[in-house]
């Protein structure tokens, strides 16, 4: 399951709860959510994070997949340095 590319048109969106929606991918347009502060992606079998995710600069709260995400672009790792450290401990919630 995936979100349409048009999801990125919701540029005023501040909170997004996509918990348990069986999402396997996120659209590249996700990076256009310039007002997003809280994102819940828990319990989705997401296989990769798009490069554009690194543009989510106002993001303060992220709850991400309970399973490991094998494909994370370098620019996303740089923007969210906690990702690698917490992944090793299997902690995926940051509040």
Protein backbone atom coordinates (compact mmCIF):
# COMPACT_ATOMS: atom_id res chain seq x y z
CA UNK A 1 0.00 0.00 0.00
CA UNK A 2 1.23 3.50 -0.71
CA UNK A 3 0.12 7.11 -0.55
CA UNK A 4 -0.49 9.05 -3.76
CA UNK A 5 2.09 11.63 -4.88
CA UNK A 6 -0.60 14.27 -4.32
CA UNK A 7 -0.23 13.66 -0.56
CA UNK A 8 2.71 16.07 -0.71
CA UNK A 9 0.33 18.88 -1.67
CA UNK A 10 -0.83 19.08 1.96
CA UNK A 11 1.88 21.64 2.75
CA UNK A 12 -0.02 23.08 5.76
CA UNK A 13 -0.31 19.66 7.45
CA UNK A 14 1.15 19.81 10.98
CA UNK A 15 0.31 16.39 12.39
CA UNK A 16 0.06 13.14 10.47
CA UNK A 17 -1.00 9.82 11.96
CA UNK A 18 -0.55 6.97 9.49
CA UNK A 19 -0.40 4.26 12.15
CA UNK A 20 -1.03 0.69 10.96
CA UNK A 21 -1.98 1.43 7.34
CA UNK A 22 0.16 -1.30 5.75
CA UNK A 23 2.23 1.32 3.95
CA UNK A 24 5.28 -0.11 2.21
CA UNK A 25 6.48 3.10 0.55
CA UNK A 26 6.20 6.85 1.03
CA UNK A 27 5.92 9.16 -1.97
CA UNK A 28 8.87 11.39 -2.89
CA UNK A 29 6.46 14.32 -2.48
CA UNK A 30 6.46 13.62 1.28
CA UNK A 31 9.30 16.14 1.56
CA UNK A 32 6.88 18.90 0.51
CA UNK A 33 5.09 18.70 3.88
CA UNK A 34 6.96 21.80 5.04
CA UNK A 35 4.80 22.37 8.16
CA UNK A 36 4.86 18.80 9.45
CA UNK A 37 5.85 18.64 13.13
CA UNK A 38 4.51 15.25 14.23
CA UNK A 39 4.58 12.06 12.18
CA UNK A 40 3.41 8.61 13.26
CA UNK A 41 4.37 5.80 10.88
CA UNK A 42 4.26 3.05 13.50
CA UNK A 43 3.29 -0.48 12.41
CA UNK A 44 3.83 0.02 8.69
CA UNK A 45 6.15 -2.36 6.79
CA UNK A 46 7.98 0.53 5.11
CA UNK A 47 10.90 -0.69 3.06
CA UNK A 48 12.57 2.64 2.30
CA UNK A 49 12.52 6.32 3.22
CA UNK A 50 12.54 8.74 0.26
CA UNK A 51 15.41 11.22 -0.10
CA UNK A 52 12.94 14.08 0.24
CA UNK A 53 12.29 13.05 3.85
CA UNK A 54 15.43 15.01 4.75
CA UNK A 55 13.57 18.24 3.89
CA UNK A 56 11.20 17.81 6.85
CA UNK A 57 13.07 20.38 8.92
CA UNK A 58 10.22 21.33 11.30
CA UNK A 59 9.67 17.66 12.25
CA UNK A 60 9.91 17.37 16.04
CA UNK A 61 8.18 14.07 16.83
CA UNK A 62 8.67 10.93 14.82
CA UNK A 63 7.31 7.50 15.57
CA UNK A 64 8.53 5.11 12.96
CA UNK A 65 8.10 1.53 11.88
CA UNK A 66 8.43 -1.26 14.40
CA UNK A 67 10.50 -3.24 11.89
CA UNK A 68 13.84 -2.28 10.45
CA UNK A 69 13.83 -0.11 7.38
CA UNK A 70 16.59 -1.43 5.13
CA UNK A 71 16.87 1.51 2.71
CA UNK A 72 17.54 4.94 4.17
CA UNK A 73 19.33 7.50 2.00
CA UNK A 74 22.51 9.12 3.32
CA UNK A 75 20.95 12.60 3.34
CA UNK A 76 18.13 11.30 5.56
CA UNK A 77 20.67 9.74 7.93
CA UNK A 78 22.50 13.10 8.11
CA UNK A 79 19.28 15.02 8.81
CA UNK A 80 18.17 12.52 11.44
CA UNK A 81 21.43 11.32 13.06
CA UNK A 82 19.46 9.60 15.81
CA UNK A 83 18.20 7.06 13.27
CA UNK A 84 21.35 4.91 13.22
CA UNK A 85 21.97 5.10 16.96
CA UNK A 86 18.44 4.15 17.92
CA UNK A 87 18.12 1.52 15.22
CA UNK A 88 20.91 -0.51 16.81
CA UNK A 89 18.93 -0.60 20.06
CA UNK A 90 15.65 -1.30 18.24
CA UNK A 91 14.13 1.92 19.57
CA UNK A 92 12.05 3.67 16.97
CA UNK A 93 10.05 6.21 18.94
CA UNK A 94 11.35 9.71 19.44
CA UNK A 95 9.29 12.22 21.41
